[in-house]
C-alpha atoms as a PDB file:
ATOM      1  CA  UNK A   1     133.905  74.918 -16.142  1.00  0.00           C
ATOM      2  CA  UNK A   2     135.329  74.375 -12.721  1.00  0.00           C
ATOM      3  CA  UNK A   3     131.828  74.142 -11.269  1.00  0.00           C
ATOM      4  CA  UNK A   4     130.996  71.424 -13.800  1.00  0.00           C
ATOM      5  CA  UNK A   5     134.105  69.463 -12.924  1.00  0.00           C
ATOM      6  CA  UNK A   6     133.388  69.794  -9.209  1.00  0.00           C
ATOM      7  CA  UNK A   7     129.808  68.619  -9.726  1.00  0.00           C
ATOM      8  CA  UNK A   8     131.014  65.613 -11.710  1.00  0.00           C
ATOM      9  CA  UNK A   9     133.453  64.646  -8.934  1.00  0.00           C
ATOM     10  CA  UNK A  10     130.705  64.917  -6.384  1.00  0.00           C
ATOM     11  CA  UNK A  11     128.467  62.678  -8.498  1.00  0.00           C
ATOM     12  CA  UNK A  12     131.252  60.072  -8.825  1.00  0.00           C
ATOM     13  CA  UNK A  13     131.879  60.133  -5.073  1.00  0.00           C
ATOM     14  CA  UNK A  14     128.157  59.698  -4.478  1.00  0.00           C
ATOM     15  CA  UNK A  15     128.138  56.695  -6.825  1.00  0.00           C
ATOM     16  CA  UNK A  16     131.130  55.091  -5.129  1.00  0.00           C
ATOM     17  CA  UNK A  17     129.559  55.798  -1.726  1.00  0.00           C
ATOM     18  CA  UNK A  18     127.039  53.029  -2.462  1.00  0.00           C
ATOM     19  CA  UNK A  19     129.934  50.641  -3.114  1.00  0.00           C
ATOM     20  CA  UNK A  20     131.811  51.743   0.020  1.00  0.00           C
ATOM     21  CA  UNK A  21     128.730  50.971   2.115  1.00  0.00           C
ATOM     22  CA  UNK A  22     128.973  47.365   0.936  1.00  0.00           C
ATOM     23  CA  UNK A  23     132.778  47.227   0.969  1.00  0.00           C
ATOM     24  CA  UNK A  24     133.057  44.658   3.801  1.00  0.00           C
ATOM     25  CA  UNK A  25     130.648  42.202   2.156  1.00  0.00           C
ATOM     26  CA  UNK A  26     132.226  42.746  -1.274  1.00  0.00           C
ATOM     27  CA  UNK A  27     135.745  42.111   0.050  1.00  0.00           C
ATOM     28  CA  UNK A  28     134.561  38.999   1.890  1.00  0.00           C
ATOM     29  CA  UNK A  29     132.702  37.376  -1.073  1.00  0.00           C
ATOM     30  CA  UNK A  30     134.121  38.622  -4.401  1.00  0.00           C
ATOM     31  CA  UNK A  31     137.013  36.777  -6.068  1.00  0.00           C
ATOM     32  CA  UNK A  32     139.182  39.354  -7.964  1.00  0.00           C
ATOM     33  CA  UNK A  33     140.354  36.742 -10.488  1.00  0.00           C
ATOM     34  CA  UNK A  34     136.785  36.478 -11.805  1.00  0.00           C
ATOM     35  CA  UNK A  35     136.380  40.220 -12.440  1.00  0.00           C
ATOM     36  CA  UNK A  36     139.790  41.159 -13.851  1.00  0.00           C
ATOM     37  CA  UNK A  37     139.292  39.627 -17.349  1.00  0.00           C
ATOM     38  CA  UNK A  38     136.128  41.666 -17.948  1.00  0.00           C
ATOM     39  CA  UNK A  39     137.712  44.784 -16.443  1.00  0.00           C
ATOM     40  CA  UNK A  40     140.789  44.313 -18.668  1.00  0.00           C
ATOM     41  CA  UNK A  41     138.630  43.899 -21.772  1.00  0.00           C
ATOM     42  CA  UNK A  42     136.714  47.088 -20.905  1.00  0.00           C
ATOM     43  CA  UNK A  43     140.112  48.792 -20.493  1.00  0.00           C
ATOM     44  CA  UNK A  44     139.616  50.099 -16.972  1.00  0.00           C
ATOM     45  CA  UNK A  45     142.543  47.924 -15.795  1.00  0.00           C
ATOM     46  CA  UNK A  46     145.855  47.406 -17.503  1.00  0.00           C
ATOM     47  CA  UNK A  47     148.253  44.503 -17.227  1.00  0.00           C
ATOM     48  CA  UNK A  48     150.214  46.120 -14.416  1.00  0.00           C
ATOM     49  CA  UNK A  49     147.069  46.683 -12.361  1.00  0.00           C
ATOM     50  CA  UNK A  50     145.975  43.086 -12.872  1.00  0.00           C
ATOM     51  CA  UNK A  51     149.409  41.754 -11.910  1.00  0.00           C
ATOM     52  CA  UNK A  52     149.453  43.911  -8.773  1.00  0.00           C
ATOM     53  CA  UNK A  53     145.989  42.753  -7.730  1.00  0.00           C
ATOM     54  CA  UNK A  54     146.529  39.057  -8.355  1.00  0.00           C
ATOM     55  CA  UNK A  55     150.239  38.540  -7.657  1.00  0.00           C
ATOM     56  CA  UNK A  56     151.410  41.201  -5.208  1.00  0.00           C
ATOM     57  CA  UNK A  57     153.207  39.739  -2.163  1.00  0.00           C
ATOM     58  CA  UNK A  58     151.774  42.535  -0.040  1.00  0.00           C
ATOM     59  CA  UNK A  59     148.229  41.345  -0.657  1.00  0.00           C
ATOM     60  CA  UNK A  60     148.158  38.115   1.311  1.00  0.00           C
ATOM     61  CA  UNK A  61     144.413  37.423   1.279  1.00  0.00           C
ATOM     62  CA  UNK A  62     141.456  37.571  -1.080  1.00  0.00           C
ATOM     63  CA  UNK A  63     139.907  40.405   0.936  1.00  0.00           C
ATOM     64  CA  UNK A  64     143.092  42.479   0.546  1.00  0.00           C
ATOM     65  CA  UNK A  65     143.140  41.906  -3.226  1.00  0.00           C
ATOM     66  CA  UNK A  66     139.437  42.830  -3.586  1.00  0.00           C
ATOM     67  CA  UNK A  67     139.999  45.962  -1.495  1.00  0.00           C
ATOM     68  CA  UNK A  68     142.933  46.958  -3.725  1.00  0.00           C
ATOM     69  CA  UNK A  69     140.764  46.332  -6.833  1.00  0.00           C
ATOM     70  CA  UNK A  70     138.082  48.683  -5.481  1.00  0.00           C
ATOM     71  CA  UNK A  71     140.705  51.342  -4.748  1.00  0.00           C
ATOM     72  CA  UNK A  72     142.068  51.162  -8.315  1.00  0.00           C
ATOM     73  CA  UNK A  73     138.561  51.274  -9.834  1.00  0.00           C
ATOM     74  CA  UNK A  74     137.735  54.236  -7.605  1.00  0.00           C
ATOM     75  CA  UNK A  75     140.575  56.142  -9.275  1.00  0.00           C
ATOM     76  CA  UNK A  76     139.007  55.439 -12.686  1.00  0.00           C
ATOM     77  CA  UNK A  77     136.004  57.604 -11.858  1.00  0.00           C
ATOM     78  CA  UNK A  78     132.556  57.007 -13.241  1.00  0.00           C
ATOM     79  CA  UNK A  79     133.802  54.614 -15.924  1.00  0.00           C
ATOM     80  CA  UNK A  80     135.388  52.417 -13.296  1.00  0.00           C
ATOM     81  CA  UNK A  81     132.136  52.450 -11.333  1.00  0.00           C
ATOM     82  CA  UNK A  82     130.017  51.520 -14.379  1.00  0.00           C
ATOM     83  CA  UNK A  83     132.318  48.711 -15.511  1.00  0.00           C
ATOM     84  CA  UNK A  84     132.535  47.364 -11.945  1.00  0.00           C
ATOM     85  CA  UNK A  85     128.717  47.265 -11.738  1.00  0.00           C
ATOM     86  CA  UNK A  86     128.556  45.452 -15.098  1.00  0.00           C
ATOM     87  CA  UNK A  87     131.033  42.861 -13.840  1.00  0.00           C
ATOM     88  CA  UNK A  88     128.944  42.472 -10.673  1.00  0.00           C
ATOM     89  CA  UNK A  89     125.830  42.175 -12.830  1.00  0.00           C
ATOM     90  CA  UNK A  90     127.440  39.358 -14.813  1.00  0.00           C
ATOM     91  CA  UNK A  91     129.242  37.409 -12.061  1.00  0.00           C
ATOM     92  CA  UNK A  92     127.467  38.420  -8.833  1.00  0.00           C
ATOM     93  CA  UNK A  93     123.895  39.475  -9.684  1.00  0.00           C
ATOM     94  CA  UNK A  94     122.792  39.343  -6.037  1.00  0.00           C
ATOM     95  CA  UNK A  95     125.438  41.852  -4.994  1.00  0.00           C
ATOM     96  CA  UNK A  96     124.542  44.002  -7.994  1.00  0.00           C
ATOM     97  CA  UNK A  97     120.995  44.244  -6.699  1.00  0.00           C
ATOM     98  CA  UNK A  98     122.226  45.049  -3.159  1.00  0.00           C
ATOM     99  CA  UNK A  99     124.473  47.867  -4.403  1.00  0.00           C
ATOM    100  CA  UNK A 100     122.149  49.420  -7.020  1.00  0.00           C
ATOM    101  CA  UNK A 101     118.737  48.299  -5.819  1.00  0.00           C
ATOM    102  CA  UNK A 102     117.931  47.213  -9.432  1.00  0.00           C
ATOM    103  CA  UNK A 103     117.508  43.838 -11.075  1.00  0.00           C
ATOM    104  CA  UNK A 104     120.371  42.804 -13.400  1.00  0.00           C
ATOM    105  CA  UNK A 105     119.736  43.298 -17.161  1.00  0.00           C
ATOM    106  CA  UNK A 106     123.123  42.044 -18.480  1.00  0.00           C
ATOM    107  CA  UNK A 107     123.309  44.617 -21.311  1.00  0.00           C
ATOM    108  CA  UNK A 108     127.119  45.004 -21.151  1.00  0.00           C
ATOM    109  CA  UNK A 109     126.883  48.483 -22.694  1.00  0.00           C
ATOM    110  CA  UNK A 110     130.503  49.357 -22.002  1.00  0.00           C
ATOM    111  CA  UNK A 111     132.039  46.427 -23.833  1.00  0.00           C
ATOM    112  CA  UNK A 112     129.588  46.946 -26.716  1.00  0.00           C
ATOM    113  CA  UNK A 113     130.683  50.578 -26.990  1.00  0.00           C
ATOM    114  CA  UNK A 114     134.373  49.701 -26.754  1.00  0.00           C
ATOM    115  CA  UNK A 115     134.538  46.634 -28.998  1.00  0.00           C
ATOM    116  CA  UNK A 116     131.110  46.265 -30.566  1.00  0.00           C
ATOM    117  CA  UNK A 117     128.891  43.232 -30.594  1.00  0.00           C
ATOM    118  CA  UNK A 118     131.730  41.107 -31.940  1.00  0.00           C
ATOM    119  CA  UNK A 119     133.775  41.912 -28.837  1.00  0.00           C
ATOM    120  CA  UNK A 120     130.840  41.070 -26.595  1.00  0.00           C
ATOM    121  CA  UNK A 121     130.317  37.824 -28.472  1.00  0.00           C
ATOM    122  CA  UNK A 122     134.000  37.019 -28.184  1.00  0.00           C
ATOM    123  CA  UNK A 123     133.921  37.791 -24.470  1.00  0.00           C
ATOM    124  CA  UNK A 124     130.845  35.662 -23.935  1.00  0.00           C
ATOM    125  CA  UNK A 125     132.393  32.840 -25.961  1.00  0.00           C
ATOM    126  CA  UNK A 126     135.487  33.054 -23.838  1.00  0.00           C
ATOM    127  CA  UNK A 127     133.358  32.938 -20.712  1.00  0.00           C
ATOM    128  CA  UNK A 128     131.414  29.980 -22.120  1.00  0.00           C
ATOM    129  CA  UNK A 129     134.691  28.190 -22.827  1.00  0.00           C
ATOM    130  CA  UNK A 130     135.833  28.968 -19.309  1.00  0.00           C
ATOM    131  CA  UNK A 131     132.563  27.686 -17.943  1.00  0.00           C
ATOM    132  CA  UNK A 132     132.838  24.544 -20.062  1.00  0.00           C
ATOM    133  CA  UNK A 133     136.354  24.001 -18.845  1.00  0.00           C
ATOM    134  CA  UNK A 134     135.212  24.598 -15.309  1.00  0.00           C
ATOM    135  CA  UNK A 135     132.307  22.218 -15.906  1.00  0.00           C
ATOM    136  CA  UNK A 136     134.703  19.569 -17.226  1.00  0.00           C
ATOM    137  CA  UNK A 137     136.939  20.121 -14.262  1.00  0.00           C
ATOM    138  CA  UNK A 138     133.966  19.865 -11.941  1.00  0.00           C
ATOM    139  CA  UNK A 139     132.778  16.751 -13.799  1.00  0.00           C
ATOM    140  CA  UNK A 140     136.202  15.200 -13.429  1.00  0.00           C
ATOM    141  CA  UNK A 141     136.237  16.283  -9.828  1.00  0.00           C
ATOM    142  CA  UNK A 142     132.769  14.789  -9.401  1.00  0.00           C
ATOM    143  CA  UNK A 143     133.938  11.495 -10.948  1.00  0.00           C
ATOM    144  CA  UNK A 144     137.043  11.583  -8.797  1.00  0.00           C
ATOM    145  CA  UNK A 145     134.954  12.397  -5.773  1.00  0.00           C
ATOM    146  CA  UNK A 146     132.562   9.563  -6.683  1.00  0.00           C
ATOM    147  CA  UNK A 147     135.501   7.174  -6.869  1.00  0.00           C
ATOM    148  CA  UNK A 148     136.816   8.536  -3.628  1.00  0.00           C
ATOM    149  CA  UNK A 149     133.324   8.248  -2.187  1.00  0.00           C
ATOM    150  CA  UNK A 150     133.134   4.574  -3.240  1.00  0.00           C
ATOM    151  CA  UNK A 151     136.603   4.026  -1.869  1.00  0.00           C
ATOM    152  CA  UNK A 152     135.645   5.806   1.330  1.00  0.00           C
ATOM    153  CA  UNK A 153     132.443   3.764   1.564  1.00  0.00           C
ATOM    154  CA  UNK A 154     134.479   0.580   1.171  1.00  0.00           C
ATOM    155  CA  UNK A 155     136.913   1.870   3.740  1.00  0.00           C
ATOM    156  CA  UNK A 156     133.958   2.837   5.921  1.00  0.00           C
ATOM    157  CA  UNK A 157     132.624  -0.718   5.668  1.00  0.00           C
ATOM    158  CA  UNK A 158     136.066  -2.052   6.490  1.00  0.00           C
ATOM    159  CA  UNK A 159     136.340   0.429   9.327  1.00  0.00           C
ATOM    160  CA  UNK A 160     132.863  -0.550  10.527  1.00  0.00           C
ATOM    161  CA  UNK A 161     133.905  -4.205  10.521  1.00  0.00           C
ATOM    162  CA  UNK A 162     137.176  -3.257  12.161  1.00  0.00           C
ATOM    163  CA  UNK A 163     135.211  -1.179  14.659  1.00  0.00           C
ATOM    164  CA  UNK A 164     132.992  -4.161  15.419  1.00  0.00           C
ATOM    165  CA  UNK A 165     136.083  -6.313  15.855  1.00  0.00           C
ATOM    166  CA  UNK A 166     137.617  -3.615  18.013  1.00  0.00           C
ATOM    167  CA  UNK A 167     134.433  -3.443  20.085  1.00  0.00           C
ATOM    168  CA  UNK A 168     134.537  -7.223  20.455  1.00  0.00           C
ATOM    169  CA  UNK A 169     138.211  -6.963  21.409  1.00  0.00           C
ATOM    170  CA  UNK A 170     137.334  -4.087  23.743  1.00  0.00           C
ATOM    171  CA  UNK A 171     134.647  -6.169  25.415  1.00  0.00           C
ATOM    172  CA  UNK A 172     137.072  -9.070  25.638  1.00  0.00           C
ATOM    173  CA  UNK A 173     139.715  -6.701  26.963  1.00  0.00           C
ATOM    174  CA  UNK A 174     137.300  -5.280  29.548  1.00  0.00           C
ATOM    175  CA  UNK A 175     136.341  -8.797  30.584  1.00  0.00           C
ATOM    176  CA  UNK A 176     139.993  -9.819  30.823  1.00  0.00           C
ATOM    177  CA  UNK A 177     140.772  -6.646  32.754  1.00  0.00           C
ATOM    178  CA  UNK A 178     137.928  -7.385  35.167  1.00  0.00           C
ATOM    179  CA  UNK A 179     139.232 -10.935  35.541  1.00  0.00           C
ATOM    180  CA  UNK A 180     142.743  -9.556  36.030  1.00  0.00           C
ATOM    181  CA  UNK A 181     141.458  -7.161  38.688  1.00  0.00           C
ATOM    182  CA  UNK A 182     139.590 -10.029  40.334  1.00  0.00           C
ATOM    183  CA  UNK A 183     142.684 -12.230  40.242  1.00  0.00           C
ATOM    184  CA  UNK A 184     144.779  -9.314  41.443  1.00  0.00           C
ATOM    185  CA  UNK A 185     142.443  -8.817  44.396  1.00  0.00           C
ATOM    186  CA  UNK A 186     142.523 -12.558  45.031  1.00  0.00           C
ATOM    187  CA  UNK A 187     146.324 -12.490  44.812  1.00  0.00           C
ATOM    188  CA  UNK A 188     146.484  -9.641  47.304  1.00  0.00           C
ATOM    189  CA  UNK A 189     144.130 -11.535  49.603  1.00  0.00           C
ATOM    190  CA  UNK A 190     146.248 -14.693  49.297  1.00  0.00           C
ATOM    191  CA  UNK A 191     149.396 -12.649  49.937  1.00  0.00           C
ATOM    192  CA  UNK A 192     147.775 -11.179  53.037  1.00  0.00           C
ATOM    193  CA  UNK A 193     146.769 -14.653  54.183  1.00  0.00           C
ATOM    194  CA  UNK A 194     150.279 -15.965  53.499  1.00  0.00           C
ATOM    195  CA  UNK A 195     151.727 -13.050  55.426  1.00  0.00           C
ATOM    196  CA  UNK A 196     149.359 -13.717  58.314  1.00  0.00           C
ATOM    197  CA  UNK A 197     150.218 -17.427  58.182  1.00  0.00           C
ATOM    198  CA  UNK A 198     153.922 -16.579  58.123  1.00  0.00           C
ATOM    199  CA  UNK A 199     153.458 -14.278  61.105  1.00  0.00           C
ATOM    200  CA  UNK A 200     151.404 -16.975  62.827  1.00  0.00           C
ATOM    201  CA  UNK A 201     154.076 -19.559  62.020  1.00  0.00           C
ATOM    202  CA  UNK A 202     156.773 -17.263  63.404  1.00  0.00           C
ATOM    203  CA  UNK A 203     154.672 -16.680  66.518  1.00  0.00           C
ATOM    204  CA  UNK A 204     154.060 -20.413  66.922  1.00  0.00           C
ATOM    205  CA  UNK A 205     157.765 -21.107  66.409  1.00  0.00           C
ATOM    206  CA  UNK A 206     158.593 -18.562  69.059  1.00  0.00           C
ATOM    207  CA  UNK A 207     155.936 -20.028  71.341  1.00  0.00           C
ATOM    208  CA  UNK A 208     157.326 -23.502  70.635  1.00  0.00           C
ATOM    209  CA  UNK A 209     160.826 -22.360  71.550  1.00  0.00           C
ATOM    210  CA  UNK A 210     159.461 -20.722  74.672  1.00  0.00           C
ATOM    211  CA  UNK A 211     157.500 -23.914  75.428  1.00  0.00           C
ATOM    212  CA  UNK A 212     160.664 -25.999  74.974  1.00  0.00           C
ATOM    213  CA  UNK A 213     162.552 -23.677  77.298  1.00  0.00           C
ATOM    214  CA  UNK A 214     159.630 -23.738  79.705  1.00  0.00           C
ATOM    215  CA  UNK A 215     159.556 -27.532  79.441  1.00  0.00           C
ATOM    216  CA  UNK A 216     163.233 -27.640  80.331  1.00  0.00           C
ATOM    217  CA  UNK A 217     162.628 -25.327  83.253  1.00  0.00           C
ATOM    218  CA  UNK A 218     159.674 -27.459  84.307  1.00  0.00           C
ATOM    219  CA  UNK A 219     161.765 -30.605  83.965  1.00  0.00           C
ATOM    220  CA  UNK A 220     164.410 -29.051  86.179  1.00  0.00           C
ATOM    221  CA  UNK A 221     161.708 -27.985  88.603  1.00  0.00           C
ATOM    222  CA  UNK A 222     160.195 -31.490  88.475  1.00  0.00           C
ATOM    223  CA  UNK A 223     163.606 -32.978  89.207  1.00  0.00           C
ATOM    224  CA  UNK A 224     163.988 -30.519  92.054  1.00  0.00           C
ATOM    225  CA  UNK A 225     160.511 -31.413  93.318  1.00  0.00           C
ATOM    226  CA  UNK A 226     161.307 -35.117  93.021  1.00  0.00           C
ATOM    227  CA  UNK A 227     164.470 -34.569  94.996  1.00  0.00           C
ATOM    228  CA  UNK A 228     162.507 -32.609  97.558  1.00  0.00           C
ATOM    229  CA  UNK A 229     159.815 -35.294  97.574  1.00  0.00           C
ATOM    230  CA  UNK A 230     162.414 -37.965  98.191  1.00  0.00           C
ATOM    231  CA  UNK A 231     163.810 -35.850 100.972  1.00  0.00           C
ATOM    232  CA  UNK A 232     160.334 -35.387 102.443  1.00  0.00           C
ATOM    233  CA  UNK A 233     159.696 -39.125 102.121  1.00  0.00           C
ATOM    234  CA  UNK A 234     162.936 -39.786 103.987  1.00  0.00           C
ATOM    235  CA  UNK A 235     161.855 -37.337 106.670  1.00  0.00           C
ATOM    236  CA  UNK A 236     158.439 -38.994 106.750  1.00  0.00           C
ATOM    237  CA  UNK A 237     160.115 -42.362 107.195  1.00  0.00           C
ATOM    238  CA  UNK A 238     162.207 -40.953 110.029  1.00  0.00           C
ATOM    239  CA  UNK A 239     159.139 -39.401 111.602  1.00  0.00           C
ATOM    240  CA  UNK A 240     157.269 -42.653 111.083  1.00  0.00           C
ATOM    241  CA  UNK A 241     160.045 -44.514 112.872  1.00  0.00           C
ATOM    242  CA  UNK A 242     159.927 -41.962 115.670  1.00  0.00           C
ATOM    243  CA  UNK A 243     156.143 -42.298 115.742  1.00  0.00           C
ATOM    244  CA  UNK A 244     156.483 -46.080 115.991  1.00  0.00           C
ATOM    245  CA  UNK A 245     159.012 -45.641 118.770  1.00  0.00           C
ATOM    246  CA  UNK A 246     156.668 -43.272 120.585  1.00  0.00           C
ATOM    247  CA  UNK A 247     153.830 -45.666 119.988  1.00  0.00           C
ATOM    248  CA  UNK A 248     155.872 -48.484 121.493  1.00  0.00           C
ATOM    249  CA  UNK A 249     156.783 -46.258 124.424  1.00  0.00           C
ATOM    250  CA  UNK A 250     153.136 -45.402 124.872  1.00  0.00           C
ATOM    251  CA  UNK A 251     152.201 -49.047 124.697  1.00  0.00           C
ATOM    252  CA  UNK A 252     154.915 -49.894 127.259  1.00  0.00           C
ATOM    253  CA  UNK A 253     153.945 -47.099 129.627  1.00  0.00           C
ATOM    254  CA  UNK A 254     152.249 -47.977 132.895  1.00  0.00           C
ATOM    255  CA  UNK A 255     148.656 -48.844 132.540  1.00  0.00           C
ATOM    256  CA  UNK A 256     145.938 -46.606 133.860  1.00  0.00           C
ATOM    257  CA  UNK A 257     144.972 -49.211 136.497  1.00  0.00           C
ATOM    258  CA  UNK A 258     148.537 -49.261 137.755  1.00  0.00           C
ATOM    259  CA  UNK A 259     148.559 -45.485 137.978  1.00  0.00           C
ATOM    260  CA  UNK A 260     145.263 -45.522 139.822  1.00  0.00           C
ATOM    261  CA  UNK A 261     146.649 -48.224 142.127  1.00  0.00           C
ATOM    262  CA  UNK A 262     149.732 -46.117 142.828  1.00  0.00           C
ATOM    263  CA  UNK A 263     147.593 -43.071 143.479  1.00  0.00           C
ATOM    264  CA  UNK A 264     145.374 -45.103 145.816  1.00  0.00           C
ATOM    265  CA  UNK A 265     148.408 -46.443 147.642  1.00  0.00           C
ATOM    266  CA  UNK A 266     149.754 -42.913 147.856  1.00  0.00           C
ATOM    267  CA  UNK A 267     146.503 -41.750 149.402  1.00  0.00           C
ATOM    268  CA  UNK A 268     146.549 -44.637 151.869  1.00  0.00           C
ATOM    269  CA  UNK A 269     150.125 -43.780 152.754  1.00  0.00           C
ATOM    270  CA  UNK A 270     149.095 -40.182 153.323  1.00  0.00           C
ATOM    271  CA  UNK A 271     146.291 -41.350 155.595  1.00  0.00           C
ATOM    272  CA  UNK A 272     148.627 -43.635 157.526  1.00  0.00           C
ATOM    273  CA  UNK A 273     151.144 -40.836 157.793  1.00  0.00           C
ATOM    274  CA  UNK A 274     148.534 -38.542 159.212  1.00  0.00           C
ATOM    275  CA  UNK A 275     147.457 -41.217 161.680  1.00  0.00           C
ATOM    276  CA  UNK A 276     151.011 -41.779 162.708  1.00  0.00           C
ATOM    277  CA  UNK A 277     151.592 -38.078 163.124  1.00  0.00           C
ATOM    278  CA  UNK A 278     148.491 -37.817 165.264  1.00  0.00           C
ATOM    279  CA  UNK A 279     149.720 -40.700 167.359  1.00  0.00           C
ATOM    280  CA  UNK A 280     153.230 -39.315 167.642  1.00  0.00           C
ATOM    281  CA  UNK A 281     152.290 -35.756 168.580  1.00  0.00           C
ATOM    282  CA  UNK A 282     151.258 -36.381 172.249  1.00  0.00           C
ATOM    283  CA  UNK A 283     154.717 -37.487 173.219  1.00  0.00           C
ATOM    284  CA  UNK A 284     158.099 -38.425 171.981  1.00  0.00           C
ATOM    285  CA  UNK A 285     158.222 -41.642 169.952  1.00  0.00           C
ATOM    286  CA  UNK A 286     160.520 -44.516 170.692  1.00  0.00           C
ATOM    287  CA  UNK A 287     163.580 -44.880 168.556  1.00  0.00           C
ATOM    288  CA  UNK A 288     162.183 -47.918 166.738  1.00  0.00           C
ATOM    289  CA  UNK A 289     158.962 -46.128 165.843  1.00  0.00           C
ATOM    290  CA  UNK A 290     160.893 -43.103 164.771  1.00  0.00           C
ATOM    291  CA  UNK A 291     163.010 -45.236 162.481  1.00  0.00           C
ATOM    292  CA  UNK A 292     159.880 -46.815 161.031  1.00  0.00           C
ATOM    293  CA  UNK A 293     158.419 -43.369 160.572  1.00  0.00           C
ATOM    294  CA  UNK A 294     161.523 -42.172 158.747  1.00  0.00           C
ATOM    295  CA  UNK A 295     161.381 -45.212 156.508  1.00  0.00           C
ATOM    296  CA  UNK A 296     157.736 -44.571 155.735  1.00  0.00           C
ATOM    297  CA  UNK A 297     158.430 -40.916 155.076  1.00  0.00           C
ATOM    298  CA  UNK A 298     161.253 -41.867 152.779  1.00  0.00           C
ATOM    299  CA  UNK A 299     159.020 -44.362 150.964  1.00  0.00           C
ATOM    300  CA  UNK A 300     156.326 -41.745 150.675  1.00  0.00           C
ATOM    301  CA  UNK A 301     158.746 -39.249 149.178  1.00  0.00           C
ATOM    302  CA  UNK A 302     160.010 -41.819 146.706  1.00  0.00           C
ATOM    303  CA  UNK A 303     156.427 -42.756 145.807  1.00  0.00           C
ATOM    304  CA  UNK A 304     155.588 -39.093 145.269  1.00  0.00           C
ATOM    305  CA  UNK A 305     158.682 -38.619 143.141  1.00  0.00           C
ATOM    306  CA  UNK A 306     157.898 -41.751 141.120  1.00  0.00           C
ATOM    307  CA  UNK A 307     154.345 -40.585 140.695  1.00  0.00           C
ATOM    308  CA  UNK A 308     155.496 -37.138 139.553  1.00  0.00           C
ATOM    309  CA  UNK A 309     157.977 -38.735 137.155  1.00  0.00           C
ATOM    310  CA  UNK A 310     155.243 -40.912 135.705  1.00  0.00           C
ATOM    311  CA  UNK A 311     152.939 -37.922 135.315  1.00  0.00           C
ATOM    312  CA  UNK A 312     155.677 -35.848 133.630  1.00  0.00           C
ATOM    313  CA  UNK A 313     156.611 -38.742 131.397  1.00  0.00           C
ATOM    314  CA  UNK A 314     152.973 -39.280 130.473  1.00  0.00           C
ATOM    315  CA  UNK A 315     152.571 -35.569 129.641  1.00  0.00           C
ATOM    316  CA  UNK A 316     155.732 -35.587 127.555  1.00  0.00           C
ATOM    317  CA  UNK A 317     154.535 -38.656 125.674  1.00  0.00           C
ATOM    318  CA  UNK A 318     151.224 -36.959 124.908  1.00  0.00           C
ATOM    319  CA  UNK A 319     153.053 -33.881 123.595  1.00  0.00           C
ATOM    320  CA  UNK A 320     155.397 -35.964 121.467  1.00  0.00           C
ATOM    321  CA  UNK A 321     152.464 -37.915 120.033  1.00  0.00           C
ATOM    322  CA  UNK A 322     150.627 -34.679 119.190  1.00  0.00           C
ATOM    323  CA  UNK A 323     153.717 -33.176 117.529  1.00  0.00           C
ATOM    324  CA  UNK A 324     154.356 -36.396 115.596  1.00  0.00           C
ATOM    325  CA  UNK A 325     150.762 -36.440 114.351  1.00  0.00           C
ATOM    326  CA  UNK A 326     151.017 -32.783 113.296  1.00  0.00           C
ATOM    327  CA  UNK A 327     154.277 -33.460 111.449  1.00  0.00           C
ATOM    328  CA  UNK A 328     152.756 -36.515 109.800  1.00  0.00           C
ATOM    329  CA  UNK A 329     149.705 -34.532 108.613  1.00  0.00           C
ATOM    330  CA  UNK A 330     151.927 -31.699 107.425  1.00  0.00           C
ATOM    331  CA  UNK A 331     154.213 -34.017 105.455  1.00  0.00           C
ATOM    332  CA  UNK A 332     151.249 -35.851 103.966  1.00  0.00           C
ATOM    333  CA  UNK A 333     149.692 -32.551 102.823  1.00  0.00           C
ATOM    334  CA  UNK A 334     153.000 -31.407 101.324  1.00  0.00           C
ATOM    335  CA  UNK A 335     153.350 -34.721  99.538  1.00  0.00           C
ATOM    336  CA  UNK A 336     149.826 -34.455  98.087  1.00  0.00           C
ATOM    337  CA  UNK A 337     150.454 -30.834  97.015  1.00  0.00           C
ATOM    338  CA  UNK A 338     153.713 -31.813  95.340  1.00  0.00           C
ATOM    339  CA  UNK A 339     152.055 -34.712  93.518  1.00  0.00           C
ATOM    340  CA  UNK A 340     149.173 -32.484  92.346  1.00  0.00           C
ATOM    341  CA  UNK A 341     151.561 -29.730  91.265  1.00  0.00           C
ATOM    342  CA  UNK A 342     153.755 -32.196  89.396  1.00  0.00           C
ATOM    343  CA  UNK A 343     150.723 -33.684  87.605  1.00  0.00           C
ATOM    344  CA  UNK A 344     149.411 -30.213  86.662  1.00  0.00           C
ATOM    345  CA  UNK A 345     152.807 -29.120  85.325  1.00  0.00           C
ATOM    346  CA  UNK A 346     153.160 -32.287  83.249  1.00  0.00           C
ATOM    347  CA  UNK A 347     149.626 -31.869  81.849  1.00  0.00           C
ATOM    348  CA  UNK A 348     150.224 -28.184  81.027  1.00  0.00           C
ATOM    349  CA  UNK A 349     153.508 -29.027  79.313  1.00  0.00           C
ATOM    350  CA  UNK A 350     151.802 -31.728  77.253  1.00  0.00           C
ATOM    351  CA  UNK A 351     149.071 -29.293  76.192  1.00  0.00           C
ATOM    352  CA  UNK A 352     151.625 -26.623  75.204  1.00  0.00           C
ATOM    353  CA  UNK A 353     153.585 -29.121  73.126  1.00  0.00           C
END
């Protein structure tokens, strides 16, 4: 008896092993709410089990609820396995084929055994009603979705028009932004030019002030030069008067013929003196001749002195004339330099102003 029970348990575990191999896919796809009505009708689940599977706060996801459903069915043994396969065969035929390797037949043997064909019919009718209700819901959802689709299409058209307007506004905005950037660059350039002009104006104002100060200095220098020029002109006048005086003295000096005549007379006197000396040497002269000789000697000395005075005076006159001419040339050059300098300063001041 124990061996039979052990063999049965091993067979049940082997059956559930096929389900456990597909446990991940089953938990990911199966919705427990679909299977529980059939499992309740076949009496493998009670109300408490169904409430735990569907409403437990510990089971937060569909995969957790499906996993708990498989655990509860596993405790029901072979009956739980058979009823679970029938529910898969009815609701998830593809998974039924993956687990069993057989095509679904939809015989529902368990519910027929439990409640007869009337129970199966009632179950199928209930499922048909559910499907009809679901179909109505889906139809209503389809109508609602169609309305929403029409509304969305209208909104899409409006959005498309709005998008076109926005694109037009965007293009206009881009154009305005480019114009703004251009005007901004132009404004910066104008500001730079204004700044340069302001700096140039400040520089010119400073140069003007410096030119005014320089003009004042030049005016003072011109006045000083005029004063100096007047002084030089006065000196030139004085020198000119002295030159005229020297010229008059030169004109009133003894003529060259007179000088030559005096020199000739001097030579003749020398000759006479020598003759007289030669005559006097042989013997003593009489007193009268000696007196005449003294007079002649005195005249000769005076003539020599006069001649020397004339020569010295003539030399001095030549020197004075040379110095006067040098001073005249010097003053004339200084006057010309002053006039040129004054004209250049006035012209430079006019150009600066």
